[in-house]
Amino acid sequence: MTMLSFRVDEEEAADVQRWAEQLGLDRSELLRQAVHRHLVQLRAETDVREWRSQPLTDDEKAFGEIADWGVSEDWSDWVNGAG
């Protein structure tokens, strides 16, 4: 693990401490989780932008059409078939 160090104003530092205590977490763990969640969100937003800028090809769209077919047989009568 790498250590990060940064400054925040006193009010935010107090909020971090209060939330950590309320959640039963170490202050560092609360900050690690917050940074992780924010990075996940940023990556997802980047993925969305990239996906929108590169539409699916016809070949890729074909998989969606196949998925729309549904199951090939009706197995609903097997629900109680074990008895």
Protein backbone atom coordinates (compact mmCIF):
# COMPACT_ATOMS: atom_id res chain seq x y z
CA MET A 1 0.00 0.00 0.00
CA THR A 2 1.08 3.55 -0.65
CA MET A 3 0.48 6.33 1.81
CA LEU A 4 -1.33 9.46 0.65
CA SER A 5 -1.28 12.63 2.67
CA PHE A 6 -3.42 15.71 2.10
CA ARG A 7 -4.89 18.63 3.97
CA VAL A 8 -8.56 19.38 4.62
CA ASP A 9 -10.18 22.18 6.56
CA GLU A 10 -10.93 21.60 10.23
CA GLU A 11 -14.68 21.24 9.75
CA GLU A 12 -14.24 18.45 7.19
CA ALA A 13 -11.67 16.73 9.40
CA ALA A 14 -14.17 16.79 12.27
CA ASP A 15 -16.88 15.40 9.98
CA VAL A 16 -14.57 12.59 8.89
CA GLN A 17 -13.85 11.74 12.52
CA ARG A 18 -17.54 11.80 13.48
CA TRP A 19 -18.55 9.59 10.55
CA ALA A 20 -15.72 7.15 11.22
CA GLU A 21 -16.83 6.81 14.84
CA GLN A 22 -20.49 6.51 13.88
CA LEU A 23 -19.71 3.79 11.33
CA GLY A 24 -17.25 2.00 13.61
CA LEU A 25 -14.40 2.51 11.17
CA ASP A 26 -10.89 3.73 11.46
CA ARG A 27 -10.61 7.23 10.01
CA SER A 28 -8.10 5.97 7.45
CA GLU A 29 -10.47 3.18 6.41
CA LEU A 30 -13.31 5.66 5.92
CA LEU A 31 -11.07 7.78 3.69
CA ARG A 32 -9.82 4.72 1.76
CA GLN A 33 -13.41 3.65 1.09
CA ALA A 34 -14.41 7.16 0.05
CA VAL A 35 -11.50 7.47 -2.37
CA HIS A 36 -12.19 3.99 -3.76
CA ARG A 37 -15.90 4.75 -4.35
CA HIS A 38 -15.07 8.04 -6.03
CA LEU A 39 -12.51 6.39 -8.33
CA VAL A 40 -15.02 3.67 -9.25
CA GLN A 41 -17.55 6.38 -10.13
CA LEU A 42 -15.01 8.28 -12.24
CA ARG A 43 -14.05 5.09 -14.10
CA ALA A 44 -17.71 4.30 -14.77
CA GLU A 45 -18.31 7.80 -16.13
CA THR A 46 -15.28 7.41 -18.39
CA ASP A 47 -16.57 4.02 -19.58
CA VAL A 48 -19.96 5.56 -20.42
CA ARG A 49 -18.35 8.36 -22.44
CA GLU A 50 -16.17 5.90 -24.33
CA TRP A 51 -19.09 3.53 -24.95
CA ARG A 52 -21.21 6.38 -26.32
CA SER A 53 -18.40 7.56 -28.59
CA GLN A 54 -17.92 4.06 -30.04
CA PRO A 55 -21.33 2.57 -30.91
CA LEU A 56 -21.71 -1.18 -31.16
CA THR A 57 -20.95 -2.81 -34.47
CA ASP A 58 -23.59 -4.88 -36.28
CA ASP A 59 -21.79 -8.04 -35.14
CA GLU A 60 -21.93 -6.92 -31.51
CA LYS A 61 -25.60 -5.99 -31.82
CA ALA A 62 -26.36 -9.52 -33.07
CA PHE A 63 -25.69 -10.91 -29.60
CA GLY A 64 -28.51 -8.74 -28.21
CA GLU A 65 -30.88 -10.04 -30.84
CA ILE A 66 -30.04 -13.62 -29.92
CA ALA A 67 -30.62 -12.88 -26.24
CA ASP A 68 -34.10 -11.58 -27.11
CA TRP A 69 -35.07 -15.01 -28.42
CA GLY A 70 -35.54 -16.29 -24.87
CA VAL A 71 -35.35 -19.93 -23.89
CA SER A 72 -35.73 -22.49 -26.63
CA GLU A 73 -38.10 -24.72 -24.66
CA ASP A 74 -40.74 -24.21 -21.99
CA TRP A 75 -39.45 -25.90 -18.82
CA SER A 76 -42.05 -24.34 -16.48
CA ASP A 77 -43.82 -27.66 -16.03
CA TRP A 78 -40.64 -29.05 -14.42
CA VAL A 79 -40.94 -26.75 -11.38
CA ASN A 80 -42.66 -29.43 -9.32
CA GLY A 81 -41.24 -32.39 -11.23
CA ALA A 82 -39.10 -33.68 -8.36
CA GLY A 83 -42.09 -35.32 -6.62
